[in-house]
Structures are given as C-alpha cells and as structure tokens.
Amino acid sequence: MEDRRRDIGLFRYSLSREAADPALTKAERGALVRALAAMEHAGPDGRRVRVGRSTLDRWIRTWRAGGFEALVPQPRRADPRTEKAALDLAESLKRELPERTAAQVLRVMVEAGTVAVPSERTIQRHFARLGLNRRPDGAPVRVFGRYEASTRNERWFGDAMHGPVVAGKKTYLLANIDDYSRLVPGCRWCSSEDTIRMEAALRAGVAARGVPKVLVVDNGAAYRDAQLHRACAVLGIRLVHARPRTPTTKGKIERFFETVRSGFVVELEARGVSDVTELNRLFSAWVEVDYHRRRHSETKATPLERFMATGPPELPSAALLHEAFLWSEFRRVTKTSTVSLHANSFEVDAALVGRRVELVFDPYDLTTIEVRFEGRSMGSAVPVVIGRHTHPKARPEAAPAPVPTGIEYLDLLEARRAAELDGQRIGYRAISEDDDQPDEEQPDEEEETER
C-alpha cells in the first residue's frame, strides 16, 4: 500500500513539477497547464487518464507548500460508524433465508424497528466480506456477448498453454494474440512459466508488430509481477487481468491453443524434438508459414492479411523498448550511502542518504545499476560487493545436450596397437617355456679360487 501511495505521488510530481518552476511567468504556466490538461497520461496503474486544470493547479500549490511528500496521499483512517449489532442482525437475516437480497434485508430491519439501520450499500459490502453475496445454488448464470476489437493492436490477449515434455522437462507456450486479426505477435516455448520468459514473448511481439492499447492477461504470478506492470506503464499499455475462473474472457487465445494442439503438437510428437531451442524454431516456422497464412473461419481472411490491411504498424524505438523492459526495485539508502540488491552492495551519492531511491537494472546484469530519485536519474551506482550477476528470477534455459563427436578414444588405441603388431600375435607360451629351462651350472667361487 505504501508503494501504491508513493507511485501516486510520483505521478502527481511528474505532471506538476515543470509547471511549478518559479522561472515561468503566469502566462507561460497557464499555457503549460492547459496543454497538460488536454493530454492523456499513463496513470500509476498504467491506465490512460486525463487531469483537469484545477487539479494540476492544486498539485502545484501543494508541492510548493510541502514538497514531494505533500503530494503523496495519506492513508485513510476512518472509524467504523455502523453498530456491530446491526451488522450481526443483517448477517443473521441473510443466513436465515439466503434468497434475501441486501435490499430485502434492509426492508426487514426497518419493519422490525431496528434503531441503527445501515444503508443498502453497507449491507452489500458486509455480505461480500462474509462471502454471502452469492445465491445458495451458486453464482447466477452469466450471459457472454460476442466481442471483437475494431482495429489491430487495440486489444491483445496473453496466456500460457501446457505443452509436451521435451528433454525430460515439461514445456509451456507463452503467447499473445491480436483480438482483431487473430495474428500471434509474440510467442515463446520455455521450460518454466515465469516473468522473465513472459516478458521475452511480449517484447518480441511489441518489437515486431507494434504496441497494443490494452493487454488482457491471466491472474498467474508471472502476470501479476510488478516488473510487467512497469513495462506496460512505460509503453503506455493498459494491463487488464481477466476475471478468475472465467475462461470465456480469453476465448480467442484458448481457441488458438486448441489449434496449436491439433495442428502442431500432434505433428511434433510424431516427429520428435531434442530441446526447447529446436522446439521454438519449428513453432516459429509453423506460425509464420501455416497459421498466419491460413484463412480464418470467423474473419474470412488470413491473420496476416487482416493485420497488414492498413499498412505496416508503427513500431516503438529501440530506446523505448530498452527502457520498458528494464527492471526496478526500491531501496532506502543507508547512513553509509550504500544500497543492497540481491547480495550485491553499491555506493550511491551521499546526498541520497535516508532517501528511498529506485534502482533500475537489466535482470541479466546486476553489476550495472542506475539510481533514480523522484523520477530523475542520479547516475550509476558504484559496485562495492558483487555476490551475484543475475536476478534470482532470471534463470536461463537448460543448455542443450552436447552433440556426440563420434570419436571413441579406446577404439583408436586398439587400432593403433593392432597396427603396431602388424597382425602378429604375441607367443606367450613360447615365452613361458624359455623361462622354465634351467640355466647352465656355473663354477663355485671357492673352486675357482683353488684352481
């Protein structure tokens, strides 16, 4: 929660700081505030928001009066005003007859002459906390309408599929699909479903097909990771998590996974594959040659034709991609002007002592860290102790098995020995017979002396 409030404060600061510059005239400040109010901005949660002029003016006054800390919202501290007895009575009425709605429970309490009657919304929230907001026969039947984006890159869906066992390890397919064209912008087979590989699939898709406005993903740990939220915020993507246990929300990508199982996995199991690298190579060829060029039964066009109908998409710059997929973590600078990050220690500017700074880094290289404070770069941290070079989550794929050379050392030695003997076998029997014959008698030393 503290990080959430801090992010809101940073967002307010980033918008109001330039306009709060004392060097600006009143007319210049007014023009700048009007321009900011007319634009959309990526909010703390990645959603696009607009901020009114009066709100910007209030943030400028707040910053001038109390600095950055004044822009950070304070936690709410409200004492409960509803009597416990009234909430207990509402709970009892609901449990007595589960078909009663919050409105009906309120009417019963009013007719019963309860002194402190809470509002209908208070009763609804109380039932939700207790898990009593469902019908006794389960959730009501929901009606799902058919939805399709109006243009490409308006909405992507991302999910993971359990794949075959390769080289003794289970594999997963991490993929994204464009809702409008059914084209697959980025995909990746891997041996674990984690953030680093999910971001690799997303990065490949964004680099090749452009930036989506909305990305709808699952509720798994990899999709809830703060690093994914940061990447989407930098790229201006609105990240949406699908409702739990509602696969119909992601029906298009689930249908694509069925196509993968019936069109690719079946052929793969018959052919065989040695490692994940070969699996990715074969799957990339299948997607680009088969799936993207196959006429879709719903859109009546191939995914590639429908996606490219309006021309090539606008692609992000290399610098933006690099910044988006860097990772960051917050640390407080110690009294010795150092910070620690995953068994590594770094020295930072002494002016940051006691401050909470953002450390920006490549997960595959923890030796190079950029320090940022209140959205401004404060230079690179100086390594003091390096205990590890990669982030704990940046686990590399298993190395492929070495290719046999076909060289047998012992066979080579045997062939060499055979060549030395030139086909002749050693006569061990003759050697033993020579050893058994007695030697000729030699004269005694004493007899030789007498002579």
Protein backbone atom coordinates (compact mmCIF):
# COMPACT_ATOMS: atom_id res chain seq x y z
CA MET A 1 0.00 0.00 0.00
CA GLU A 2 2.88 2.34 0.74
CA ASP A 3 4.31 1.72 -2.72
CA ARG A 4 0.90 2.48 -4.24
CA ARG A 5 0.71 5.85 -2.47
CA ARG A 6 4.30 6.57 -3.45
CA ASP A 7 3.52 5.82 -7.11
CA ILE A 8 0.58 8.23 -6.98
CA GLY A 9 2.83 10.89 -5.51
CA LEU A 10 5.42 10.33 -8.24
CA PHE A 11 2.72 10.62 -10.90
CA ARG A 12 1.47 13.91 -9.45
CA TYR A 13 5.02 15.21 -9.17
CA SER A 14 5.91 14.29 -12.76
CA LEU A 15 2.95 16.30 -14.08
CA SER A 16 3.17 19.35 -11.83
CA ARG A 17 6.91 19.83 -11.35
CA GLU A 18 7.62 21.54 -14.67
CA ALA A 19 4.65 23.86 -14.32
CA ALA A 20 5.74 24.73 -10.76
CA ASP A 21 9.02 26.18 -11.95
CA PRO A 22 9.34 29.69 -10.40
CA ALA A 23 11.12 30.91 -13.55
CA LEU A 24 7.89 30.62 -15.56
CA THR A 25 5.65 33.61 -15.98
CA LYS A 26 1.95 33.42 -15.16
CA ALA A 27 1.06 33.24 -18.85
CA GLU A 28 3.64 30.53 -19.56
CA ARG A 29 2.46 28.49 -16.60
CA GLY A 30 -1.15 28.79 -17.68
CA ALA A 31 -0.35 27.67 -21.22
CA LEU A 32 1.63 24.70 -19.92
CA VAL A 33 -1.15 23.66 -17.52
CA ARG A 34 -3.75 23.86 -20.29
CA ALA A 35 -1.56 21.70 -22.55
CA LEU A 36 -1.11 19.10 -19.82
CA ALA A 37 -4.84 19.04 -19.11
CA ALA A 38 -5.59 18.40 -22.79
CA MET A 39 -3.34 15.32 -22.95
CA GLU A 40 -3.77 11.75 -21.78
CA HIS A 41 -1.20 10.40 -19.35
CA ALA A 42 -0.23 6.93 -18.15
CA GLY A 43 -1.50 6.77 -14.59
CA PRO A 44 0.13 4.93 -11.68
CA ASP A 45 -1.64 1.69 -12.67
CA GLY A 46 -0.84 2.04 -16.39
CA ARG A 47 -4.29 3.23 -17.44
CA ARG A 48 -4.63 6.35 -19.60
CA VAL A 49 -6.09 9.24 -17.59
CA ARG A 50 -6.76 12.94 -18.00
CA VAL A 51 -6.09 15.51 -15.27
CA GLY A 52 -8.07 18.72 -15.08
CA ARG A 53 -6.57 22.22 -14.84
CA SER A 54 -7.90 22.82 -11.35
CA THR A 55 -6.35 19.55 -10.17
CA LEU A 56 -2.98 20.49 -11.66
CA ASP A 57 -3.15 23.91 -10.03
CA ARG A 58 -3.92 22.28 -6.67
CA TRP A 59 -0.94 19.91 -7.06
CA ILE A 60 1.35 22.83 -7.87
CA ARG A 61 0.23 24.69 -4.72
CA THR A 62 0.62 21.52 -2.66
CA TRP A 63 4.14 20.91 -3.92
CA ARG A 64 5.17 24.49 -3.23
CA ALA A 65 3.81 24.28 0.30
CA GLY A 66 5.11 20.87 1.36
CA GLY A 67 7.35 19.42 -1.34
CA PHE A 68 7.13 15.90 -2.74
CA GLU A 69 5.86 14.30 0.48
CA ALA A 70 2.81 16.56 0.40
CA LEU A 71 1.82 15.05 -2.96
CA VAL A 72 1.77 11.52 -1.53
CA PRO A 73 -1.81 10.72 -0.44
CA GLN A 74 -2.24 9.96 3.22
CA PRO A 75 -3.86 6.67 4.29
CA ARG A 76 -7.48 6.85 5.25
CA ARG A 77 -8.23 6.46 8.93
CA ALA A 78 -11.98 6.26 9.37
CA ASP A 79 -13.59 4.87 12.49
CA PRO A 80 -16.48 2.45 11.88
CA ARG A 81 -19.82 4.18 12.25
CA THR A 82 -22.16 1.19 11.86
CA GLU A 83 -23.07 -0.57 15.07
CA LYS A 84 -21.91 -4.17 15.30
CA ALA A 85 -25.35 -5.28 16.47
CA ALA A 86 -26.95 -4.00 13.26
CA LEU A 87 -24.41 -5.84 11.07
CA ASP A 88 -24.86 -9.03 13.09
CA LEU A 89 -28.64 -8.81 12.63
CA ALA A 90 -28.22 -8.34 8.86
CA GLU A 91 -25.97 -11.40 8.73
CA SER A 92 -28.48 -13.47 10.68
CA LEU A 93 -31.32 -12.46 8.38
CA LYS A 94 -29.25 -13.41 5.33
CA ARG A 95 -28.23 -16.80 6.74
CA GLU A 96 -31.80 -17.49 7.83
CA LEU A 97 -33.04 -17.06 4.25
CA PRO A 98 -30.15 -16.95 1.73
CA GLU A 99 -32.51 -15.82 -1.08
CA ARG A 100 -32.86 -12.43 0.64
CA THR A 101 -31.06 -9.61 -1.11
CA ALA A 102 -29.41 -6.69 0.67
CA ALA A 103 -32.42 -4.53 -0.19
CA GLN A 104 -34.81 -7.08 1.28
CA VAL A 105 -32.72 -7.42 4.44
CA LEU A 106 -32.82 -3.63 4.80
CA ARG A 107 -36.62 -3.61 4.50
CA VAL A 108 -36.95 -6.35 7.12
CA MET A 109 -34.71 -4.42 9.53
CA VAL A 110 -36.73 -1.24 9.00
CA GLU A 111 -40.03 -3.06 9.62
CA ALA A 112 -38.57 -4.73 12.70
CA GLY A 113 -37.83 -1.31 14.17
CA THR A 114 -34.06 -1.67 14.35
CA VAL A 115 -32.63 1.53 15.80
CA ALA A 116 -29.41 1.92 13.75
CA VAL A 117 -30.24 0.71 10.25
CA PRO A 118 -27.23 0.74 7.88
CA SER A 119 -27.55 1.66 4.22
CA GLU A 120 -28.13 -0.92 1.50
CA ARG A 121 -24.61 -0.46 0.17
CA THR A 122 -23.14 -1.04 3.64
CA ILE A 123 -25.09 -4.28 3.91
CA GLN A 124 -23.87 -5.37 0.45
CA ARG A 125 -20.23 -4.74 1.38
CA HIS A 126 -20.74 -6.61 4.65
CA PHE A 127 -22.19 -9.61 2.81
CA ALA A 128 -19.29 -9.52 0.34
CA ARG A 129 -16.75 -9.64 3.18
CA LEU A 130 -18.54 -12.64 4.66
CA GLY A 131 -18.94 -14.42 1.33
CA LEU A 132 -22.75 -14.18 1.50
CA ASN A 133 -23.23 -12.26 -1.76
CA ARG A 134 -23.95 -15.40 -3.79
CA ARG A 135 -27.15 -17.30 -4.31
CA PRO A 136 -27.45 -20.61 -2.44
CA ASP A 137 -27.44 -22.54 -5.72
CA GLY A 138 -24.19 -20.89 -6.86
CA ALA A 139 -23.40 -17.89 -8.98
CA PRO A 140 -26.15 -16.71 -11.33
CA VAL A 141 -25.89 -17.66 -14.97
CA ARG A 142 -23.95 -15.03 -16.85
CA VAL A 143 -24.53 -14.12 -20.48
CA PHE A 144 -21.37 -13.53 -22.51
CA GLY A 145 -21.73 -11.37 -25.59
CA ARG A 146 -19.53 -11.62 -28.67
CA TYR A 147 -16.80 -9.02 -28.76
CA GLU A 148 -14.19 -8.09 -31.33
CA ALA A 149 -11.80 -5.17 -31.46
CA SER A 150 -12.40 -2.62 -34.21
CA THR A 151 -8.78 -2.37 -35.33
CA ARG A 152 -5.42 -4.07 -34.92
CA ASN A 153 -3.40 -3.58 -31.73
CA GLU A 154 -6.49 -2.34 -29.94
CA ARG A 155 -6.53 -5.34 -27.63
CA TRP A 156 -4.17 -8.27 -27.13
CA PHE A 157 -4.76 -11.37 -25.05
CA GLY A 158 -1.92 -13.19 -23.29
CA ASP A 159 -1.94 -16.63 -21.71
CA ALA A 160 0.08 -19.82 -21.21
CA MET A 161 -0.50 -23.35 -22.52
CA HIS A 162 0.89 -26.57 -21.05
CA GLY A 163 2.90 -28.36 -23.72
CA PRO A 164 4.70 -31.68 -24.24
CA VAL A 165 7.67 -33.00 -22.30
CA VAL A 166 10.94 -32.14 -24.07
CA ALA A 167 14.33 -33.42 -22.92
CA GLY A 168 12.76 -34.71 -19.72
CA LYS A 169 11.12 -31.38 -18.80
CA LYS A 170 7.59 -30.09 -19.19
CA THR A 171 7.25 -27.16 -21.59
CA TYR A 172 4.92 -24.15 -21.69
CA LEU A 173 3.83 -21.94 -24.56
CA LEU A 174 3.61 -18.23 -23.66
CA ALA A 175 1.72 -16.41 -26.39
CA ASN A 176 -0.17 -13.20 -27.21
CA ILE A 177 -2.89 -12.87 -29.83
CA ASP A 178 -4.34 -9.78 -31.50
CA ASP A 179 -8.10 -9.68 -30.94
CA TYR A 180 -8.93 -8.06 -34.29
CA SER A 181 -6.83 -10.10 -36.72
CA ARG A 182 -6.09 -13.29 -34.67
CA LEU A 183 -2.43 -12.77 -35.52
CA VAL A 184 0.11 -14.00 -32.95
CA PRO A 185 2.56 -11.11 -32.39
CA GLY A 186 4.86 -12.84 -29.92
CA CYS A 187 5.21 -16.37 -28.59
CA ARG A 188 7.83 -18.48 -26.85
CA TRP A 189 8.19 -22.07 -25.70
CA CYS A 190 10.05 -22.44 -22.42
CA SER A 191 10.52 -24.85 -19.54
CA SER A 192 9.03 -22.58 -16.86
CA GLU A 193 6.14 -20.11 -16.73
CA ASP A 194 7.79 -17.05 -15.19
CA THR A 195 8.02 -13.30 -15.65
CA ILE A 196 11.35 -13.19 -17.47
CA ARG A 197 10.15 -15.50 -20.28
CA MET A 198 6.70 -13.97 -20.45
CA GLU A 199 8.31 -10.55 -20.93
CA ALA A 200 10.56 -12.02 -23.62
CA ALA A 201 7.48 -13.13 -25.58
CA LEU A 202 5.81 -9.75 -25.11
CA ARG A 203 8.94 -7.86 -26.11
CA ALA A 204 9.30 -9.85 -29.32
CA GLY A 205 5.68 -9.13 -30.22
CA VAL A 206 5.90 -5.39 -29.47
CA ALA A 207 9.16 -5.05 -31.42
CA ALA A 208 7.73 -6.80 -34.49
CA ARG A 209 4.02 -5.81 -34.50
CA GLY A 210 3.71 -2.57 -32.51
CA VAL A 211 2.34 -1.55 -29.10
CA PRO A 212 -1.19 -2.65 -28.11
CA LYS A 213 -3.53 -0.30 -26.29
CA VAL A 214 -4.83 -3.00 -23.94
CA LEU A 215 -3.29 -6.28 -22.80
CA VAL A 216 -5.66 -8.78 -21.15
CA VAL A 217 -3.80 -11.47 -19.22
CA ASP A 218 -4.33 -14.26 -16.73
CA ASN A 219 -4.07 -13.97 -12.94
CA GLY A 220 -0.95 -16.10 -12.58
CA ALA A 221 2.06 -14.92 -10.60
CA ALA A 222 4.01 -14.07 -13.75
CA TYR A 223 1.25 -11.72 -14.93
CA ARG A 224 0.87 -10.10 -11.50
CA ASP A 225 4.58 -9.29 -11.24
CA ALA A 226 5.47 -5.63 -10.64
CA GLN A 227 8.03 -5.71 -13.45
CA LEU A 228 5.30 -6.43 -16.02
CA HIS A 229 3.28 -3.51 -14.66
CA ARG A 230 6.33 -1.27 -15.10
CA ALA A 231 6.90 -2.42 -18.69
CA CYS A 232 3.27 -1.75 -19.61
CA ALA A 233 3.34 1.67 -17.93
CA VAL A 234 6.43 2.73 -19.88
CA LEU A 235 4.93 1.53 -23.18
CA GLY A 236 1.53 3.06 -22.42
CA ILE A 237 -0.28 -0.30 -22.35
CA ARG A 238 -3.33 -0.71 -20.17
CA LEU A 239 -2.87 -4.00 -18.33
CA VAL A 240 -6.12 -5.82 -17.50
CA HIS A 241 -6.39 -9.07 -15.54
CA ALA A 242 -9.21 -11.38 -16.54
CA ARG A 243 -11.82 -12.37 -14.01
CA PRO A 244 -10.71 -15.57 -12.21
CA ARG A 245 -12.28 -18.84 -13.38
CA THR A 246 -13.83 -17.28 -16.50
CA PRO A 247 -12.01 -18.80 -19.49
CA THR A 248 -14.60 -17.31 -21.84
CA THR A 249 -12.93 -13.92 -21.30
CA LYS A 250 -9.93 -15.16 -23.25
CA GLY A 251 -11.84 -17.31 -25.72
CA LYS A 252 -9.78 -16.34 -28.78
CA ILE A 253 -6.44 -17.33 -27.35
CA GLU A 254 -7.92 -20.51 -25.88
CA ARG A 255 -9.13 -21.35 -29.39
CA PHE A 256 -5.64 -20.66 -30.74
CA PHE A 257 -4.22 -23.11 -28.19
CA GLU A 258 -6.62 -25.76 -29.48
CA THR A 259 -5.30 -25.11 -32.99
CA VAL A 260 -1.74 -25.48 -31.69
CA ARG A 261 -2.56 -28.83 -30.10
CA SER A 262 -4.31 -30.22 -33.17
CA GLY A 263 -2.06 -28.73 -35.85
CA PHE A 264 1.40 -28.50 -34.30
CA VAL A 265 1.74 -30.66 -31.20
CA VAL A 266 0.37 -33.73 -32.99
CA GLU A 267 2.98 -33.43 -35.72
CA LEU A 268 5.68 -32.66 -33.15
CA GLU A 269 5.01 -35.82 -31.15
CA ALA A 270 5.25 -37.90 -34.32
CA ARG A 271 8.50 -36.22 -35.38
CA GLY A 272 10.22 -35.75 -32.02
CA VAL A 273 12.32 -32.83 -30.81
CA SER A 274 15.63 -32.71 -28.97
CA ASP A 275 15.44 -29.45 -26.99
CA VAL A 276 13.49 -26.22 -26.45
CA THR A 277 15.62 -24.32 -28.96
CA GLU A 278 14.60 -26.66 -31.75
CA LEU A 279 11.00 -26.54 -30.50
CA ASN A 280 10.93 -22.73 -30.82
CA ARG A 281 12.46 -22.90 -34.28
CA LEU A 282 9.86 -25.37 -35.53
CA PHE A 283 6.98 -23.48 -33.92
CA SER A 284 8.07 -20.16 -35.43
CA ALA A 285 8.04 -21.76 -38.88
CA TRP A 286 4.58 -23.27 -38.26
CA VAL A 287 3.12 -19.93 -37.11
CA GLU A 288 4.52 -17.84 -39.95
CA VAL A 289 4.04 -20.34 -42.79
CA ASP A 290 0.87 -22.16 -41.75
CA TYR A 291 -1.21 -20.33 -39.13
CA HIS A 292 -0.70 -16.73 -40.30
CA ARG A 293 -1.48 -17.66 -43.91
CA ARG A 294 -4.50 -19.84 -43.22
CA ARG A 295 -7.96 -18.36 -43.83
CA HIS A 296 -9.77 -17.84 -40.53
CA SER A 297 -13.31 -19.17 -40.39
CA GLU A 298 -14.62 -16.19 -38.40
CA THR A 299 -12.89 -13.24 -40.08
CA LYS A 300 -12.91 -14.79 -43.59
CA ALA A 301 -9.29 -13.64 -44.07
CA THR A 302 -5.85 -14.80 -43.06
CA PRO A 303 -4.48 -13.28 -39.83
CA LEU A 304 -1.55 -11.71 -41.70
CA GLU A 305 -3.76 -10.11 -44.38
CA ARG A 306 -6.19 -8.72 -41.82
CA PHE A 307 -3.37 -7.34 -39.65
CA MET A 308 -1.50 -5.70 -42.55
CA ALA A 309 -4.61 -4.37 -44.35
CA THR A 310 -3.87 -0.77 -43.31
CA GLY A 311 -0.13 -0.97 -43.89
CA PRO A 312 2.85 -1.65 -41.62
CA PRO A 313 2.25 -0.84 -37.94
CA GLU A 314 4.11 1.87 -36.07
CA LEU A 315 6.92 0.28 -34.08
CA PRO A 316 8.45 1.59 -30.84
CA SER A 317 12.00 2.89 -30.80
CA ALA A 318 14.87 0.75 -29.57
CA ALA A 319 15.44 3.17 -26.69
CA LEU A 320 11.81 2.90 -25.54
CA LEU A 321 11.91 -0.90 -25.72
CA HIS A 322 15.12 -0.98 -23.71
CA GLU A 323 13.69 1.29 -21.02
CA ALA A 324 10.38 -0.61 -20.85
CA PHE A 325 11.91 -3.99 -20.15
CA LEU A 326 14.44 -2.87 -17.57
CA TRP A 327 13.55 -3.94 -14.04
CA SER A 328 13.43 -1.70 -10.99
CA GLU A 329 13.26 -2.08 -7.24
CA PHE A 330 13.10 0.47 -4.44
CA ARG A 331 15.67 0.64 -1.65
CA ARG A 332 16.41 3.08 1.16
CA VAL A 333 19.95 4.47 1.21
CA THR A 334 21.82 3.64 4.40
CA LYS A 335 23.83 6.06 6.53
CA THR A 336 26.96 4.89 4.73
CA SER A 337 25.42 5.95 1.38
CA THR A 338 25.07 2.36 0.19
CA VAL A 339 22.20 0.21 -1.03
CA SER A 340 21.93 -3.56 -1.30
CA LEU A 341 20.31 -5.53 -4.08
CA HIS A 342 20.23 -9.34 -4.07
CA ALA A 343 23.55 -9.99 -2.28
CA ASN A 344 25.19 -7.03 -4.03
CA SER A 345 26.22 -3.77 -2.37
CA PHE A 346 26.53 -0.43 -4.18
CA GLU A 347 27.64 3.05 -3.23
CA VAL A 348 25.44 5.98 -4.27
CA ASP A 349 25.51 9.76 -3.98
CA ALA A 350 25.86 10.86 -0.35
CA ALA A 351 23.04 13.38 -0.87
CA LEU A 352 20.60 10.45 -1.05
CA VAL A 353 21.27 9.17 2.48
CA GLY A 354 17.97 8.24 4.11
CA ARG A 355 16.07 8.61 0.83
CA ARG A 356 14.06 5.89 -0.87
CA VAL A 357 15.53 5.51 -4.35
CA GLU A 358 14.65 3.46 -7.40
CA LEU A 359 17.28 1.06 -8.72
CA VAL A 360 16.91 0.38 -12.45
CA PHE A 361 18.78 -2.56 -13.97
CA ASP A 362 18.89 -5.33 -16.54
CA PRO A 363 17.85 -8.58 -14.81
CA TYR A 364 20.67 -10.39 -16.58
CA ASP A 365 23.31 -7.91 -15.35
CA LEU A 366 23.15 -6.83 -11.71
CA THR A 367 26.57 -5.19 -11.86
CA THR A 368 25.26 -2.07 -13.65
CA ILE A 369 22.64 -0.15 -11.68
CA GLU A 370 21.09 3.25 -12.44
CA VAL A 371 19.87 5.22 -9.43
CA ARG A 372 16.75 7.37 -9.78
CA PHE A 373 15.15 9.67 -7.24
CA GLU A 374 11.74 11.24 -7.76
CA GLY A 375 11.85 10.29 -11.43
CA ARG A 376 15.28 11.86 -12.06
CA SER A 377 18.44 9.93 -12.85
CA MET A 378 21.11 10.30 -10.16
CA GLY A 379 23.83 8.46 -12.06
CA SER A 380 25.14 4.92 -11.82
CA ALA A 381 25.76 3.13 -8.54
CA VAL A 382 29.35 2.10 -7.82
CA PRO A 383 29.70 -1.65 -7.12
CA VAL A 384 31.22 -2.44 -3.72
CA VAL A 385 30.41 -6.12 -3.26
CA ILE A 386 29.13 -8.30 -6.11
CA GLY A 387 27.62 -11.54 -4.86
CA ARG A 388 25.58 -12.44 -7.92
CA HIS A 389 25.45 -11.22 -11.51
CA THR A 390 21.84 -12.03 -12.47
CA HIS A 391 18.45 -11.57 -10.83
CA PRO A 392 17.12 -14.65 -8.99
CA LYS A 393 14.16 -14.74 -11.40
CA ALA A 394 16.41 -14.58 -14.48
CA ARG A 395 17.10 -18.28 -14.71
CA PRO A 396 18.49 -19.33 -18.10
CA GLU A 397 17.05 -22.20 -20.10
CA ALA A 398 18.77 -25.55 -19.71
CA ALA A 399 21.68 -25.90 -22.10
CA PRO A 400 21.05 -28.37 -24.96
CA ALA A 401 22.72 -31.76 -24.76
CA PRO A 402 26.14 -31.81 -26.45
CA VAL A 403 26.27 -33.28 -29.94
CA PRO A 404 28.27 -36.56 -29.96
CA THR A 405 31.58 -36.29 -31.87
CA GLY A 406 31.67 -39.95 -32.84
CA ILE A 407 35.28 -40.25 -31.61
CA GLU A 408 35.95 -43.29 -29.38
CA TYR A 409 39.34 -42.94 -27.72
CA LEU A 410 39.70 -46.59 -26.66
CA ASP A 411 38.86 -47.82 -30.14
CA LEU A 412 41.58 -45.56 -31.52
CA LEU A 413 44.11 -47.05 -29.09
CA GLU A 414 43.07 -50.57 -30.05
CA ALA A 415 43.51 -49.80 -33.73
CA ARG A 416 46.92 -48.32 -33.09
CA ARG A 417 48.06 -51.37 -31.13
CA ALA A 418 46.84 -53.69 -33.87
CA ALA A 419 48.83 -51.70 -36.42
CA GLU A 420 51.98 -51.96 -34.27
CA LEU A 421 51.69 -55.74 -34.09
CA ASP A 422 51.01 -55.90 -37.83
CA GLY A 423 48.60 -58.74 -37.34
CA GLN A 424 51.10 -60.89 -35.38
CA ARG A 425 50.06 -62.27 -32.06
CA ILE A 426 52.43 -62.44 -29.12
CA GLY A 427 53.55 -66.02 -28.30
CA TYR A 428 53.07 -66.06 -24.58
CA ARG A 429 53.52 -69.88 -24.47
CA ALA A 430 57.00 -69.69 -26.01
CA ILE A 431 57.98 -67.04 -23.51
CA SER A 432 56.87 -69.25 -20.59
CA GLU A 433 58.76 -72.31 -21.92
CA ASP A 434 62.00 -70.34 -22.11
CA ASP A 435 61.57 -69.30 -18.52
CA ASP A 436 61.14 -72.95 -17.39
CA GLN A 437 64.52 -74.23 -18.83
CA PRO A 438 67.34 -74.47 -16.17
CA ASP A 439 70.38 -72.33 -16.62
CA GLU A 440 73.87 -73.94 -17.18
CA GLU A 441 75.79 -74.63 -13.93
CA GLN A 442 78.35 -72.01 -13.10
CA PRO A 443 81.55 -72.88 -11.11
CA ASP A 444 81.68 -72.04 -7.47
CA GLU A 445 83.75 -69.08 -6.39
CA GLU A 446 85.72 -71.32 -3.95
CA GLU A 447 86.54 -73.88 -6.64
CA GLU A 448 87.68 -71.12 -8.95
CA THR A 449 89.95 -69.82 -6.19
CA GLU A 450 91.58 -73.27 -5.52
CA ARG A 451 92.34 -73.58 -9.16
